């Protein structure tokens, strides 16, 4: 089922073509403002603690204006939640035979997403901490993709391409180390550069260090 929010209410492609170009552009700008506002509110307060009034105010709209564009906060929340899940799906390049290349690319992609979309990552993390009631549709597909990664790692181990490590521990360690820079950005800044607000470490240096740490732990020589 496709989320109903952030879509022109039940409009068809033909209907869209009939709307003047400047009107479509105006709608797109408003929808973008709503999305930015919703990301900020949901990442700070979660679904339960966010009101449509707060989203409207942050987007520069009245509440009635907001409801002209979206049905409700639940549909909007689901769309944003699924967007980060969609971003994660294609990061593990199973087509490559070299475990160092695959794991290095995976770490790089995860770090870049943590730096580029930290608030969206926090929406997912907050949802998990709140019990994950809105993730029921996500878990079956997530288990499937995780098993595929696990089987690939087991294949590398069987062929002697890396040390025998627990694949689940390896994957979850990568998730923890990379997502930490999104979910705990304030902690990173306060512990390393407390006098520089919004400071974050250099992402390329971080990718290199985390990749070296993970690959050496797997008995793989970093390239």
N, C-alpha and C. Protein backbone atom coordinates (compact mmCIF):
# COMPACT_ATOMS: atom_id res chain seq x y z
N UNK A 1 0.84 -1.18 0.00
CA UNK A 1 0.00 0.00 0.00
C UNK A 1 0.88 1.23 0.00
N UNK A 2 0.68 2.17 -0.89
CA UNK A 2 1.49 3.38 -0.97
C UNK A 2 0.92 4.40 0.01
N UNK A 3 1.78 5.09 0.76
CA UNK A 3 1.30 6.11 1.68
C UNK A 3 0.53 7.18 0.93
N UNK A 4 -0.55 7.68 1.57
CA UNK A 4 -1.41 8.64 0.89
C UNK A 4 -0.86 10.06 0.97
N UNK A 5 -0.02 10.34 2.00
CA UNK A 5 0.50 11.68 2.15
C UNK A 5 1.56 11.97 1.12
N UNK A 6 1.84 13.28 0.97
CA UNK A 6 2.81 13.78 0.00
C UNK A 6 2.48 13.36 -1.42
N UNK A 7 1.25 13.05 -1.71
CA UNK A 7 0.77 12.76 -3.06
C UNK A 7 -0.40 13.71 -3.31
N UNK A 8 -0.58 14.18 -4.52
CA UNK A 8 -1.77 14.98 -4.82
C UNK A 8 -2.97 14.09 -4.59
N UNK A 9 -3.94 14.59 -3.81
CA UNK A 9 -5.02 13.73 -3.33
C UNK A 9 -5.75 13.06 -4.47
N UNK A 10 -5.42 11.77 -4.64
CA UNK A 10 -6.06 10.90 -5.62
C UNK A 10 -6.05 11.47 -7.04
N UNK A 11 -5.06 12.29 -7.36
CA UNK A 11 -5.00 12.84 -8.71
C UNK A 11 -4.32 11.86 -9.64
N UNK A 12 -4.67 11.89 -10.90
CA UNK A 12 -4.05 11.03 -11.90
C UNK A 12 -3.00 11.82 -12.64
N UNK A 13 -2.17 11.12 -13.43
CA UNK A 13 -1.14 11.82 -14.21
C UNK A 13 -1.80 12.79 -15.18
N UNK A 14 -2.93 12.39 -15.75
CA UNK A 14 -3.63 13.26 -16.70
C UNK A 14 -4.13 14.52 -16.00
N UNK A 15 -4.65 14.36 -14.77
CA UNK A 15 -5.12 15.52 -14.02
C UNK A 15 -3.97 16.47 -13.74
N UNK A 16 -2.81 15.89 -13.41
CA UNK A 16 -1.64 16.70 -13.09
C UNK A 16 -1.21 17.57 -14.26
N UNK A 17 -1.33 17.01 -15.46
CA UNK A 17 -0.91 17.75 -16.64
C UNK A 17 -1.81 18.95 -16.90
N UNK A 18 -3.02 18.92 -16.38
CA UNK A 18 -3.95 20.02 -16.59
C UNK A 18 -3.69 21.19 -15.65
N UNK A 19 -2.92 20.95 -14.57
CA UNK A 19 -2.61 22.00 -13.61
C UNK A 19 -1.53 22.91 -14.18
N UNK A 20 -1.71 24.21 -14.15
CA UNK A 20 -0.67 25.12 -14.67
C UNK A 20 0.67 24.83 -14.02
N UNK A 21 1.72 25.04 -14.80
CA UNK A 21 3.06 24.70 -14.32
C UNK A 21 3.41 25.43 -13.03
N UNK A 22 3.09 26.73 -12.96
CA UNK A 22 3.44 27.48 -11.75
C UNK A 22 2.67 26.98 -10.54
N UNK A 23 1.45 26.48 -10.76
CA UNK A 23 0.66 25.91 -9.66
C UNK A 23 1.29 24.62 -9.17
N UNK A 24 1.77 23.79 -10.12
CA UNK A 24 2.43 22.54 -9.72
C UNK A 24 3.70 22.83 -8.94
N UNK A 25 4.46 23.82 -9.41
CA UNK A 25 5.70 24.17 -8.72
C UNK A 25 5.43 24.70 -7.32
N UNK A 26 4.36 25.47 -7.19
CA UNK A 26 3.99 25.99 -5.87
C UNK A 26 3.62 24.84 -4.93
N UNK A 27 2.86 23.87 -5.46
CA UNK A 27 2.49 22.71 -4.65
C UNK A 27 3.74 21.94 -4.23
N UNK A 28 4.67 21.76 -5.15
CA UNK A 28 5.88 21.03 -4.84
C UNK A 28 6.70 21.73 -3.75
N UNK A 29 6.74 23.06 -3.81
CA UNK A 29 7.47 23.81 -2.78
C UNK A 29 6.82 23.65 -1.41
N UNK A 30 5.50 23.70 -1.39
CA UNK A 30 4.78 23.54 -0.13
C UNK A 30 4.96 22.14 0.43
N UNK A 31 4.89 21.13 -0.46
CA UNK A 31 5.06 19.75 -0.01
C UNK A 31 6.47 19.55 0.55
N UNK A 32 7.47 20.17 -0.10
CA UNK A 32 8.85 20.06 0.38
C UNK A 32 8.97 20.69 1.77
N UNK A 33 8.31 21.85 1.97
CA UNK A 33 8.36 22.51 3.27
C UNK A 33 7.67 21.67 4.34
N UNK A 34 6.58 21.01 3.97
CA UNK A 34 5.87 20.13 4.91
C UNK A 34 6.76 18.95 5.29
N UNK A 35 7.45 18.40 4.31
CA UNK A 35 8.31 17.25 4.58
C UNK A 35 9.46 17.63 5.51
N UNK A 36 10.09 18.76 5.25
CA UNK A 36 11.20 19.22 6.10
C UNK A 36 10.70 19.45 7.53
N UNK A 37 9.54 20.08 7.65
CA UNK A 37 8.98 20.35 8.98
C UNK A 37 8.64 19.05 9.70
N UNK A 38 8.06 18.11 8.97
CA UNK A 38 7.68 16.83 9.58
C UNK A 38 8.91 16.04 10.05
N UNK A 39 9.97 16.04 9.23
CA UNK A 39 11.20 15.34 9.62
C UNK A 39 11.73 15.91 10.94
N UNK A 40 11.77 17.23 11.04
CA UNK A 40 12.27 17.86 12.26
C UNK A 40 11.40 17.52 13.47
N UNK A 41 10.09 17.60 13.30
CA UNK A 41 9.19 17.32 14.42
C UNK A 41 9.23 15.86 14.85
N UNK A 42 9.16 14.95 13.88
CA UNK A 42 9.15 13.52 14.21
C UNK A 42 10.48 13.08 14.83
N UNK A 43 11.60 13.63 14.33
CA UNK A 43 12.90 13.22 14.88
C UNK A 43 13.08 13.72 16.30
N UNK A 44 12.45 14.84 16.64
CA UNK A 44 12.56 15.39 17.98
C UNK A 44 11.53 14.79 18.95
N UNK A 45 10.33 14.51 18.45
CA UNK A 45 9.23 14.16 19.34
C UNK A 45 8.57 12.82 19.08
N UNK A 46 8.93 12.15 17.96
CA UNK A 46 8.27 10.90 17.63
C UNK A 46 6.86 11.15 17.11
N UNK A 47 6.20 10.07 16.70
CA UNK A 47 4.84 10.21 16.17
C UNK A 47 3.87 10.69 17.23
N UNK A 48 3.94 10.07 18.40
CA UNK A 48 2.98 10.39 19.45
C UNK A 48 3.10 11.83 19.93
N UNK A 49 4.33 12.32 20.02
CA UNK A 49 4.55 13.66 20.55
C UNK A 49 4.46 14.77 19.53
N UNK A 50 4.19 14.43 18.29
CA UNK A 50 4.10 15.44 17.23
C UNK A 50 2.64 15.72 16.88
N UNK A 51 2.30 16.97 16.75
CA UNK A 51 0.94 17.36 16.34
C UNK A 51 0.98 17.95 14.94
N UNK A 52 -0.15 17.87 14.26
CA UNK A 52 -0.22 18.49 12.94
C UNK A 52 -0.10 20.01 13.06
N UNK A 53 -0.50 20.55 14.20
CA UNK A 53 -0.35 21.99 14.43
C UNK A 53 1.12 22.38 14.44
N UNK A 54 1.97 21.54 15.08
CA UNK A 54 3.40 21.82 15.14
C UNK A 54 4.04 21.72 13.76
N UNK A 55 3.63 20.71 12.98
CA UNK A 55 4.16 20.57 11.61
C UNK A 55 3.75 21.78 10.78
N UNK A 56 2.48 22.18 10.88
CA UNK A 56 1.99 23.33 10.11
C UNK A 56 2.76 24.59 10.47
N UNK A 57 2.94 24.83 11.76
CA UNK A 57 3.64 26.05 12.20
C UNK A 57 5.07 26.07 11.69
N UNK A 58 5.74 24.94 11.75
CA UNK A 58 7.14 24.88 11.30
C UNK A 58 7.22 25.05 9.80
N UNK A 59 6.20 24.62 9.09
CA UNK A 59 6.18 24.74 7.62
C UNK A 59 5.67 26.10 7.16
N UNK A 60 5.22 26.95 8.11
CA UNK A 60 4.71 28.27 7.75
C UNK A 60 3.29 28.23 7.21
N UNK A 61 2.50 27.24 7.68
CA UNK A 61 1.12 27.07 7.22
C UNK A 61 0.18 27.11 8.41
N UNK A 62 -1.10 27.32 8.12
CA UNK A 62 -2.11 27.12 9.15
C UNK A 62 -2.47 25.63 9.15
N UNK A 63 -3.11 25.19 10.20
CA UNK A 63 -3.51 23.78 10.28
C UNK A 63 -4.48 23.41 9.15
N UNK A 64 -5.50 24.23 8.84
CA UNK A 64 -6.38 23.90 7.71
C UNK A 64 -5.61 23.82 6.39
N UNK A 65 -4.64 24.71 6.20
CA UNK A 65 -3.84 24.66 4.98
C UNK A 65 -3.06 23.36 4.90
N UNK A 66 -2.49 22.93 6.02
CA UNK A 66 -1.74 21.67 6.04
C UNK A 66 -2.62 20.51 5.62
N UNK A 67 -3.84 20.47 6.14
CA UNK A 67 -4.73 19.34 5.85
C UNK A 67 -5.28 19.39 4.42
N UNK A 68 -5.06 20.47 3.73
CA UNK A 68 -5.39 20.51 2.31
C UNK A 68 -4.40 19.63 1.52
N UNK A 69 -3.17 19.52 2.06
CA UNK A 69 -2.11 18.78 1.36
C UNK A 69 -1.89 17.37 1.91
N UNK A 70 -2.20 17.13 3.15
CA UNK A 70 -2.02 15.78 3.72
C UNK A 70 -3.27 15.37 4.48
N UNK A 71 -3.50 14.06 4.57
CA UNK A 71 -4.66 13.56 5.30
C UNK A 71 -4.44 13.61 6.80
N UNK A 72 -3.22 13.29 7.22
CA UNK A 72 -2.94 13.28 8.65
C UNK A 72 -1.48 12.95 8.91
N UNK A 73 -1.06 13.08 10.15
CA UNK A 73 0.35 12.88 10.48
C UNK A 73 0.78 11.42 10.34
N UNK A 74 -0.15 10.48 10.51
CA UNK A 74 0.21 9.06 10.45
C UNK A 74 0.73 8.66 9.07
N UNK A 75 0.00 9.10 8.02
CA UNK A 75 0.43 8.75 6.67
C UNK A 75 1.78 9.40 6.33
N UNK A 76 1.93 10.63 6.78
CA UNK A 76 3.18 11.35 6.56
C UNK A 76 4.33 10.67 7.28
N UNK A 77 4.09 10.26 8.51
CA UNK A 77 5.10 9.57 9.31
C UNK A 77 5.53 8.26 8.66
N UNK A 78 4.55 7.49 8.18
CA UNK A 78 4.87 6.21 7.55
C UNK A 78 5.73 6.41 6.31
N UNK A 79 5.41 7.44 5.53
CA UNK A 79 6.19 7.69 4.32
C UNK A 79 7.63 8.03 4.65
N UNK A 80 7.84 8.86 5.66
CA UNK A 80 9.19 9.24 6.07
C UNK A 80 9.94 8.06 6.65
N UNK A 81 9.25 7.25 7.43
CA UNK A 81 9.86 6.07 8.03
C UNK A 81 10.31 5.09 6.96
N UNK A 82 9.47 4.87 5.97
CA UNK A 82 9.82 3.95 4.90
C UNK A 82 10.92 4.49 3.99
N UNK A 83 11.08 5.82 3.96
CA UNK A 83 12.11 6.40 3.09
C UNK A 83 13.51 6.03 3.56
N UNK A 84 13.74 6.02 4.87
CA UNK A 84 15.07 5.65 5.35
C UNK A 84 15.31 4.16 5.16
N UNK A 85 14.28 3.36 5.31
CA UNK A 85 14.40 1.92 5.08
C UNK A 85 14.75 1.65 3.61
N UNK A 86 14.10 2.40 2.73
CA UNK A 86 14.39 2.26 1.30
C UNK A 86 15.83 2.65 0.99
N UNK A 87 16.33 3.69 1.65
CA UNK A 87 17.71 4.13 1.44
C UNK A 87 18.70 3.03 1.83
N UNK A 88 18.39 2.27 2.88
CA UNK A 88 19.32 1.24 3.37
C UNK A 88 19.37 0.01 2.47
N UNK A 89 18.32 -0.24 1.73
CA UNK A 89 18.18 -1.52 1.03
C UNK A 89 19.29 -1.82 0.03
N UNK A 90 19.68 -0.83 -0.76
CA UNK A 90 20.61 -1.11 -1.85
C UNK A 90 22.07 -0.90 -1.52
N UNK A 91 22.40 -0.78 -0.26
CA UNK A 91 23.77 -0.43 0.12
C UNK A 91 24.76 -1.59 0.10
N UNK A 92 24.28 -2.80 0.28
CA UNK A 92 25.16 -3.97 0.37
C UNK A 92 25.25 -4.59 -1.02
N UNK A 93 26.39 -4.37 -1.69
CA UNK A 93 26.56 -4.81 -3.08
C UNK A 93 26.89 -6.30 -3.13
N UNK A 94 25.86 -7.12 -3.18
CA UNK A 94 26.04 -8.58 -3.15
C UNK A 94 26.65 -9.12 -4.42
N UNK A 95 26.72 -8.31 -5.48
CA UNK A 95 27.24 -8.80 -6.75
C UNK A 95 28.77 -8.88 -6.76
N UNK A 96 29.43 -8.15 -5.85
CA UNK A 96 30.89 -8.16 -5.79
C UNK A 96 31.39 -9.37 -5.02
N UNK A 97 32.47 -9.98 -5.49
CA UNK A 97 33.01 -11.18 -4.85
C UNK A 97 34.03 -10.86 -3.77
N UNK A 98 34.54 -9.65 -3.76
CA UNK A 98 35.59 -9.25 -2.81
C UNK A 98 34.95 -8.72 -1.52
N UNK A 99 35.09 -9.44 -0.40
CA UNK A 99 34.45 -8.99 0.85
C UNK A 99 34.95 -7.63 1.32
N UNK A 100 36.24 -7.34 1.09
CA UNK A 100 36.77 -6.04 1.48
C UNK A 100 36.08 -4.91 0.74
N UNK A 101 35.86 -5.11 -0.54
CA UNK A 101 35.19 -4.10 -1.36
C UNK A 101 33.73 -3.94 -0.95
N UNK A 102 33.05 -5.06 -0.70
CA UNK A 102 31.64 -5.01 -0.33
C UNK A 102 31.46 -4.33 1.02
N UNK A 103 32.22 -4.77 2.02
CA UNK A 103 32.08 -4.21 3.37
C UNK A 103 32.52 -2.75 3.40
N UNK A 104 33.59 -2.42 2.67
CA UNK A 104 34.04 -1.03 2.61
C UNK A 104 33.00 -0.12 1.99
N UNK A 105 32.38 -0.58 0.91
CA UNK A 105 31.33 0.21 0.26
C UNK A 105 30.11 0.35 1.14
N UNK A 106 29.80 -0.70 1.89
CA UNK A 106 28.65 -0.69 2.79
C UNK A 106 28.86 0.34 3.90
N UNK A 107 30.04 0.32 4.50
CA UNK A 107 30.36 1.28 5.57
C UNK A 107 30.32 2.71 5.03
N UNK A 108 30.89 2.91 3.85
CA UNK A 108 30.90 4.24 3.25
C UNK A 108 29.47 4.76 3.03
N UNK A 109 28.62 3.91 2.47
CA UNK A 109 27.23 4.32 2.20
C UNK A 109 26.48 4.63 3.49
N UNK A 110 26.70 3.81 4.51
CA UNK A 110 26.02 4.03 5.79
C UNK A 110 26.46 5.34 6.44
N UNK A 111 27.76 5.64 6.38
CA UNK A 111 28.26 6.89 6.97
C UNK A 111 27.72 8.09 6.21
N UNK A 112 27.73 8.03 4.88
CA UNK A 112 27.22 9.15 4.09
C UNK A 112 25.74 9.41 4.40
N UNK A 113 24.96 8.36 4.56
CA UNK A 113 23.54 8.54 4.88
C UNK A 113 23.39 9.15 6.27
N UNK A 114 24.22 8.69 7.22
CA UNK A 114 24.16 9.24 8.58
C UNK A 114 24.46 10.73 8.59
N UNK A 115 25.39 11.16 7.74
CA UNK A 115 25.76 12.57 7.68
C UNK A 115 24.73 13.38 6.89
N UNK A 116 24.19 12.80 5.83
CA UNK A 116 23.29 13.53 4.93
C UNK A 116 21.85 13.59 5.43
N UNK A 117 21.41 12.54 6.13
CA UNK A 117 20.01 12.49 6.59
C UNK A 117 19.92 12.05 8.05
N UNK A 118 20.58 12.76 8.95
CA UNK A 118 20.59 12.32 10.35
C UNK A 118 19.22 12.32 11.00
N UNK A 119 18.39 13.31 10.68
CA UNK A 119 17.08 13.41 11.32
C UNK A 119 16.17 12.26 10.90
N UNK A 120 16.27 11.84 9.64
CA UNK A 120 15.44 10.73 9.18
C UNK A 120 15.87 9.44 9.86
N UNK A 121 17.18 9.25 10.04
CA UNK A 121 17.68 8.08 10.75
C UNK A 121 17.16 8.07 12.19
N UNK A 122 17.08 9.25 12.81
CA UNK A 122 16.60 9.34 14.19
C UNK A 122 15.12 8.98 14.29
N UNK A 123 14.36 9.25 13.23
CA UNK A 123 12.94 8.86 13.24
C UNK A 123 12.83 7.34 13.38
N UNK A 124 13.66 6.62 12.60
CA UNK A 124 13.64 5.16 12.68
C UNK A 124 14.07 4.69 14.06
N UNK A 125 15.15 5.24 14.58
CA UNK A 125 15.66 4.82 15.89
C UNK A 125 14.65 5.11 16.99
N UNK A 126 14.02 6.28 16.93
CA UNK A 126 13.01 6.61 17.94
C UNK A 126 11.83 5.66 17.85
N UNK A 127 11.44 5.28 16.64
CA UNK A 127 10.34 4.34 16.46
C UNK A 127 10.68 3.00 17.11
N UNK A 128 11.91 2.52 16.91
CA UNK A 128 12.34 1.26 17.53
C UNK A 128 12.29 1.37 19.05
N UNK A 129 12.80 2.48 19.58
CA UNK A 129 12.81 2.68 21.04
C UNK A 129 11.39 2.78 21.60
N UNK A 130 10.46 3.23 20.77
CA UNK A 130 9.07 3.35 21.22
C UNK A 130 8.29 2.04 21.06
N UNK A 131 8.97 0.99 20.62
CA UNK A 131 8.31 -0.32 20.51
C UNK A 131 8.10 -0.81 19.09
N UNK A 132 8.33 0.05 18.11
CA UNK A 132 8.28 -0.38 16.72
C UNK A 132 6.91 -0.78 16.20
N UNK A 133 5.86 -0.22 16.77
CA UNK A 133 4.51 -0.62 16.33
C UNK A 133 4.24 -0.27 14.87
N UNK A 134 4.93 0.75 14.37
CA UNK A 134 4.73 1.16 12.98
C UNK A 134 5.70 0.49 12.02
N UNK A 135 6.43 -0.51 12.51
CA UNK A 135 7.40 -1.22 11.68
C UNK A 135 6.98 -2.66 11.38
N UNK A 136 5.76 -3.02 11.70
CA UNK A 136 5.33 -4.41 11.51
C UNK A 136 5.46 -4.85 10.06
N UNK A 137 5.18 -3.95 9.12
CA UNK A 137 5.29 -4.29 7.70
C UNK A 137 6.75 -4.40 7.26
N UNK A 138 7.63 -3.78 8.01
CA UNK A 138 9.04 -3.72 7.65
C UNK A 138 9.81 -4.97 8.03
N UNK A 139 9.50 -5.60 9.15
CA UNK A 139 10.33 -6.68 9.69
C UNK A 139 10.46 -7.90 8.77
N UNK A 140 9.41 -8.41 8.15
CA UNK A 140 9.60 -9.59 7.28
C UNK A 140 10.60 -9.34 6.17
N UNK A 141 10.50 -8.19 5.50
CA UNK A 141 11.43 -7.86 4.42
C UNK A 141 12.84 -7.64 4.97
N UNK A 142 12.92 -7.02 6.14
CA UNK A 142 14.23 -6.78 6.76
C UNK A 142 14.91 -8.10 7.12
N UNK A 143 14.14 -9.04 7.67
CA UNK A 143 14.72 -10.35 8.01
C UNK A 143 15.23 -11.05 6.75
N UNK A 144 14.48 -10.94 5.67
CA UNK A 144 14.87 -11.57 4.41
C UNK A 144 16.20 -11.00 3.90
N UNK A 145 16.30 -9.67 3.87
CA UNK A 145 17.52 -9.04 3.37
C UNK A 145 18.70 -9.30 4.29
N UNK A 146 18.44 -9.36 5.59
CA UNK A 146 19.52 -9.64 6.53
C UNK A 146 20.03 -11.07 6.35
N UNK A 147 19.12 -12.02 6.16
CA UNK A 147 19.54 -13.41 5.93
C UNK A 147 20.38 -13.52 4.66
N UNK A 148 20.02 -12.75 3.65
CA UNK A 148 20.80 -12.78 2.40
C UNK A 148 22.22 -12.29 2.66
N UNK A 149 22.37 -11.23 3.43
CA UNK A 149 23.70 -10.73 3.77
C UNK A 149 24.47 -11.76 4.60
N UNK A 150 23.79 -12.35 5.54
CA UNK A 150 24.42 -13.37 6.41
C UNK A 150 24.94 -14.53 5.56
N UNK A 151 24.15 -14.98 4.61
CA UNK A 151 24.57 -16.11 3.77
C UNK A 151 25.76 -15.74 2.89
N UNK A 152 25.81 -14.50 2.43
CA UNK A 152 26.96 -14.05 1.65
C UNK A 152 28.22 -14.07 2.50
N UNK A 153 28.11 -13.56 3.72
CA UNK A 153 29.26 -13.54 4.64
C UNK A 153 29.70 -14.96 4.97
N UNK A 154 28.75 -15.85 5.19
CA UNK A 154 29.10 -17.26 5.47
C UNK A 154 29.84 -17.87 4.28
N UNK A 155 29.45 -17.48 3.08
CA UNK A 155 30.13 -17.97 1.89
C UNK A 155 31.57 -17.50 1.82
N UNK A 156 31.81 -16.24 2.19
CA UNK A 156 33.18 -15.72 2.23
C UNK A 156 34.02 -16.49 3.24
N UNK A 157 33.42 -16.77 4.39
CA UNK A 157 34.13 -17.51 5.43
C UNK A 157 34.46 -18.91 4.95
N UNK A 158 33.50 -19.58 4.32
CA UNK A 158 33.69 -20.95 3.82
C UNK A 158 34.80 -21.02 2.77
N UNK A 159 34.96 -19.93 2.01
CA UNK A 159 36.00 -19.90 0.97
C UNK A 159 37.33 -19.38 1.50
N UNK A 160 37.40 -19.12 2.78
CA UNK A 160 38.64 -18.66 3.38
C UNK A 160 39.00 -17.22 3.06
N UNK A 161 38.00 -16.41 2.68
CA UNK A 161 38.26 -15.02 2.32
C UNK A 161 38.27 -14.09 3.53
N UNK A 162 37.82 -14.60 4.68
CA UNK A 162 37.83 -13.80 5.90
C UNK A 162 37.77 -14.73 7.11
N UNK A 163 38.04 -14.17 8.28
CA UNK A 163 38.01 -14.95 9.51
C UNK A 163 36.59 -15.43 9.80
N UNK A 164 36.46 -16.53 10.53
CA UNK A 164 35.12 -16.98 10.92
C UNK A 164 34.55 -16.11 12.05
N UNK A 165 33.74 -15.16 11.67
CA UNK A 165 33.07 -14.30 12.65
C UNK A 165 31.58 -14.54 12.55
N UNK A 166 30.85 -14.14 13.57
CA UNK A 166 29.39 -14.27 13.51
C UNK A 166 28.84 -13.18 12.59
N UNK A 167 28.17 -13.56 11.49
CA UNK A 167 27.70 -12.56 10.53
C UNK A 167 26.74 -11.53 11.11
N UNK A 168 25.87 -11.98 12.01
CA UNK A 168 24.92 -11.05 12.62
C UNK A 168 25.64 -10.01 13.46
N UNK A 169 26.64 -10.47 14.24
CA UNK A 169 27.41 -9.53 15.06
C UNK A 169 28.14 -8.53 14.18
N UNK A 170 28.70 -9.00 13.07
CA UNK A 170 29.41 -8.12 12.15
C UNK A 170 28.48 -7.06 11.58
N UNK A 171 27.32 -7.47 11.07
CA UNK A 171 26.38 -6.52 10.48
C UNK A 171 25.88 -5.51 11.50
N UNK A 172 25.51 -5.99 12.68
CA UNK A 172 24.96 -5.09 13.69
C UNK A 172 26.02 -4.15 14.24
N UNK A 173 27.27 -4.59 14.25
CA UNK A 173 28.36 -3.70 14.67
C UNK A 173 28.54 -2.56 13.66
N UNK A 174 28.43 -2.89 12.38
CA UNK A 174 28.51 -1.86 11.34
C UNK A 174 27.36 -0.88 11.49
N UNK A 175 26.16 -1.41 11.70
CA UNK A 175 24.99 -0.52 11.88
C UNK A 175 25.20 0.39 13.08
N UNK A 176 25.67 -0.17 14.18
CA UNK A 176 25.83 0.61 15.41
C UNK A 176 26.88 1.71 15.23
N UNK A 177 28.00 1.36 14.62
CA UNK A 177 29.10 2.32 14.49
C UNK A 177 28.78 3.44 13.50
N UNK A 178 28.02 3.13 12.47
CA UNK A 178 27.72 4.16 11.47
C UNK A 178 26.52 5.02 11.89
N UNK A 179 25.45 4.39 12.33
CA UNK A 179 24.26 5.15 12.71
C UNK A 179 24.48 6.00 13.95
N UNK A 180 25.46 5.65 14.75
CA UNK A 180 25.77 6.44 15.95
C UNK A 180 26.00 7.90 15.60
N UNK A 181 26.61 8.16 14.44
CA UNK A 181 26.94 9.53 14.05
C UNK A 181 25.71 10.32 13.61
N UNK A 182 24.61 9.64 13.38
CA UNK A 182 23.33 10.32 13.13
C UNK A 182 22.54 10.44 14.42
N UNK A 183 22.38 9.32 15.10
CA UNK A 183 21.52 9.28 16.28
C UNK A 183 22.11 10.02 17.47
N UNK A 184 23.44 10.07 17.55
CA UNK A 184 24.10 10.69 18.71
C UNK A 184 25.05 11.81 18.29
N UNK A 185 24.65 12.57 17.27
CA UNK A 185 25.50 13.65 16.75
C UNK A 185 25.87 14.65 17.85
N UNK A 186 24.92 14.96 18.71
CA UNK A 186 25.19 15.91 19.79
C UNK A 186 26.27 15.37 20.73
N UNK A 187 26.19 14.10 21.05
CA UNK A 187 27.19 13.49 21.93
C UNK A 187 28.58 13.53 21.29
N UNK A 188 28.64 13.24 20.00
CA UNK A 188 29.91 13.28 19.27
C UNK A 188 30.51 14.69 19.36
N UNK A 189 29.68 15.69 19.09
CA UNK A 189 30.15 17.08 19.11
C UNK A 189 30.59 17.51 20.51
N UNK A 190 29.81 17.16 21.51
CA UNK A 190 30.11 17.59 22.87
C UNK A 190 31.36 16.93 23.44
N UNK A 191 31.63 15.70 23.05
CA UNK A 191 32.79 15.01 23.58
C UNK A 191 34.08 15.38 22.85
N UNK A 192 33.97 15.76 21.58
CA UNK A 192 35.18 16.02 20.80
C UNK A 192 35.43 17.51 20.60
N UNK A 193 34.40 18.26 20.21
CA UNK A 193 34.55 19.70 19.94
C UNK A 193 33.42 20.46 20.64
N UNK A 194 33.42 20.51 21.97
CA UNK A 194 32.30 21.14 22.70
C UNK A 194 32.12 22.62 22.40
N UNK A 195 33.16 23.29 21.94
CA UNK A 195 33.06 24.73 21.68
C UNK A 195 32.57 25.03 20.27
N UNK A 196 32.41 23.99 19.44
CA UNK A 196 31.99 24.19 18.04
C UNK A 196 30.62 23.56 17.82
N UNK A 197 29.59 24.37 17.85
CA UNK A 197 28.23 23.87 17.67
C UNK A 197 28.07 23.21 16.31
N UNK A 198 27.36 22.08 16.29
CA UNK A 198 27.06 21.33 15.06
C UNK A 198 28.30 20.73 14.40
N UNK A 199 29.43 20.67 15.13
CA UNK A 199 30.64 20.07 14.56
C UNK A 199 30.43 18.58 14.33
N UNK A 200 30.97 18.08 13.22
CA UNK A 200 30.99 16.64 12.95
C UNK A 200 32.37 16.29 12.40
N UNK A 201 32.85 15.08 12.65
CA UNK A 201 34.16 14.69 12.13
C UNK A 201 34.16 14.63 10.61
N UNK A 202 35.33 14.68 10.02
CA UNK A 202 35.45 14.56 8.57
C UNK A 202 34.97 13.18 8.15
N UNK A 203 34.00 13.15 7.27
CA UNK A 203 33.38 11.86 6.94
C UNK A 203 34.33 10.91 6.20
N UNK A 204 35.18 11.44 5.33
CA UNK A 204 36.09 10.57 4.59
C UNK A 204 37.11 9.92 5.51
N UNK A 205 37.61 10.70 6.48
CA UNK A 205 38.54 10.14 7.48
C UNK A 205 37.84 9.08 8.31
N UNK A 206 36.61 9.36 8.68
CA UNK A 206 35.83 8.42 9.49
C UNK A 206 35.58 7.12 8.72
N UNK A 207 35.22 7.23 7.44
CA UNK A 207 35.00 6.04 6.61
C UNK A 207 36.27 5.19 6.58
N UNK A 208 37.40 5.83 6.38
CA UNK A 208 38.67 5.10 6.30
C UNK A 208 38.98 4.39 7.61
N UNK A 209 38.80 5.08 8.74
CA UNK A 209 39.12 4.49 10.03
C UNK A 209 38.18 3.35 10.39
N UNK A 210 36.89 3.54 10.17
CA UNK A 210 35.93 2.47 10.49
C UNK A 210 36.12 1.27 9.57
N UNK A 211 36.39 1.53 8.31
CA UNK A 211 36.61 0.43 7.35
C UNK A 211 37.84 -0.38 7.76
N UNK A 212 38.91 0.31 8.11
CA UNK A 212 40.14 -0.38 8.54
C UNK A 212 39.88 -1.20 9.78
N UNK A 213 39.16 -0.64 10.74
CA UNK A 213 38.85 -1.35 11.98
C UNK A 213 38.04 -2.62 11.72
N UNK A 214 37.01 -2.50 10.90
CA UNK A 214 36.14 -3.65 10.60
C UNK A 214 36.88 -4.71 9.79
N UNK A 215 37.57 -4.29 8.75
CA UNK A 215 38.24 -5.26 7.88
C UNK A 215 39.34 -6.01 8.62
N UNK A 216 40.11 -5.31 9.42
CA UNK A 216 41.16 -6.00 10.19
C UNK A 216 40.57 -7.00 11.17
N UNK A 217 39.43 -6.65 11.75
CA UNK A 217 38.76 -7.58 12.65
C UNK A 217 38.27 -8.82 11.94
N UNK A 218 38.04 -8.69 10.64
CA UNK A 218 37.59 -9.82 9.82
C UNK A 218 38.77 -10.55 9.17
N UNK A 219 39.99 -10.08 9.45
CA UNK A 219 41.15 -10.70 8.83
C UNK A 219 41.33 -10.34 7.37
N UNK A 220 40.80 -9.18 6.98
CA UNK A 220 40.91 -8.70 5.60
C UNK A 220 41.84 -7.50 5.57
N UNK A 221 42.79 -7.52 4.66
CA UNK A 221 43.74 -6.42 4.55
C UNK A 221 43.05 -5.24 3.85
N UNK A 222 43.00 -4.07 4.52
CA UNK A 222 42.39 -2.91 3.87
C UNK A 222 43.16 -2.49 2.62
N UNK A 223 42.45 -2.07 1.60
CA UNK A 223 43.11 -1.68 0.35
C UNK A 223 43.66 -0.27 0.46
